[in-house]
Amino acid sequence: MDAVIHKQSAWNKSGVCDLASAESSLVTSGQKASFLAAASPRSGDWLYALPITSWGLRLDAESVRVAVRL
């Protein structure tokens, strides 16, 4: 399990080690910042926002694009 803990896809699986162990395996400051932001309470609340165009709450595809780095 420790060999894949640096991959974000592994963080979603049950049985992953504790947050401290996962965080300690991160190398760059970018990885650490991304991990801490995702692990913070209520970080995903924006996903529950209703896309009401007349209120200006609809985001275009570029605004919600996720960059994938391999």
Protein backbone atom coordinates (compact mmCIF):
# COMPACT_ATOMS: atom_id res chain seq x y z
CA MET A 1 0.00 0.00 0.00
CA ASP A 2 2.85 2.43 0.78
CA ALA A 3 4.07 2.25 -2.83
CA VAL A 4 0.94 3.92 -4.21
CA ILE A 5 0.11 6.33 -1.38
CA HIS A 6 1.57 9.22 -3.40
CA LYS A 7 -1.16 8.77 -6.04
CA GLN A 8 -4.36 10.72 -5.41
CA SER A 9 -6.50 7.82 -6.65
CA ALA A 10 -5.22 5.79 -3.71
CA TRP A 11 -6.47 8.40 -1.21
CA ASN A 12 -10.09 7.57 -2.05
CA LYS A 13 -9.78 3.85 -1.36
CA SER A 14 -10.69 2.43 1.99
CA GLY A 15 -7.87 1.11 4.08
CA VAL A 16 -5.46 3.90 3.23
CA CYS A 17 -3.17 4.88 6.08
CA ASP A 18 -3.84 7.91 8.24
CA LEU A 19 -3.56 11.52 7.00
CA ALA A 20 -0.21 12.11 8.68
CA SER A 21 1.33 9.13 6.94
CA ALA A 22 -0.09 10.16 3.57
CA GLU A 23 1.06 13.75 4.05
CA SER A 24 4.58 12.71 5.00
CA SER A 25 4.97 10.89 1.67
CA LEU A 26 4.42 14.10 -0.33
CA VAL A 27 7.55 15.71 -1.71
CA THR A 28 6.89 19.09 -3.29
CA SER A 29 5.19 22.07 -1.72
CA GLY A 30 2.58 21.90 -4.50
CA GLN A 31 1.69 18.32 -3.58
CA LYS A 32 1.41 19.27 0.08
CA ALA A 33 -0.74 22.32 -0.64
CA SER A 34 -3.07 20.33 -2.88
CA PHE A 35 -3.39 17.54 -0.31
CA LEU A 36 -4.08 19.91 2.58
CA ALA A 37 -6.65 21.86 0.56
CA ALA A 38 -8.47 18.66 -0.39
CA ALA A 39 -8.32 17.34 3.18
CA SER A 40 -9.67 20.52 4.77
CA PRO A 41 -13.20 20.47 6.14
CA ARG A 42 -15.93 21.46 3.66
CA SER A 43 -13.45 21.72 0.77
CA GLY A 44 -15.94 20.11 -1.59
CA ASP A 45 -18.95 22.23 -0.70
CA TRP A 46 -18.75 24.10 -4.02
CA LEU A 47 -19.90 20.87 -5.70
CA TYR A 48 -23.34 21.36 -4.13
CA ALA A 49 -23.90 24.82 -5.61
CA LEU A 50 -26.84 24.91 -8.00
CA PRO A 51 -25.89 26.02 -11.53
CA ILE A 52 -28.47 28.84 -11.79
CA THR A 53 -27.49 30.77 -14.91
CA SER A 54 -29.80 33.73 -14.24
CA TRP A 55 -28.00 34.32 -10.93
CA GLY A 56 -24.58 34.06 -12.55
CA LEU A 57 -23.81 30.77 -10.84
CA ARG A 58 -23.10 28.68 -13.92
CA LEU A 59 -19.41 28.06 -14.58
CA ASP A 60 -18.07 27.37 -18.04
CA ALA A 61 -16.07 24.22 -18.77
CA GLU A 62 -12.73 26.03 -18.53
CA SER A 63 -13.54 27.25 -15.01
CA VAL A 64 -13.95 23.74 -13.67
CA ARG A 65 -11.25 22.07 -15.77
CA VAL A 66 -8.98 19.77 -13.80
CA ALA A 67 -5.37 19.57 -14.93
CA VAL A 68 -3.99 16.05 -14.92
CA ARG A 69 -0.26 15.62 -14.45
CA LEU A 70 1.36 12.26 -14.98
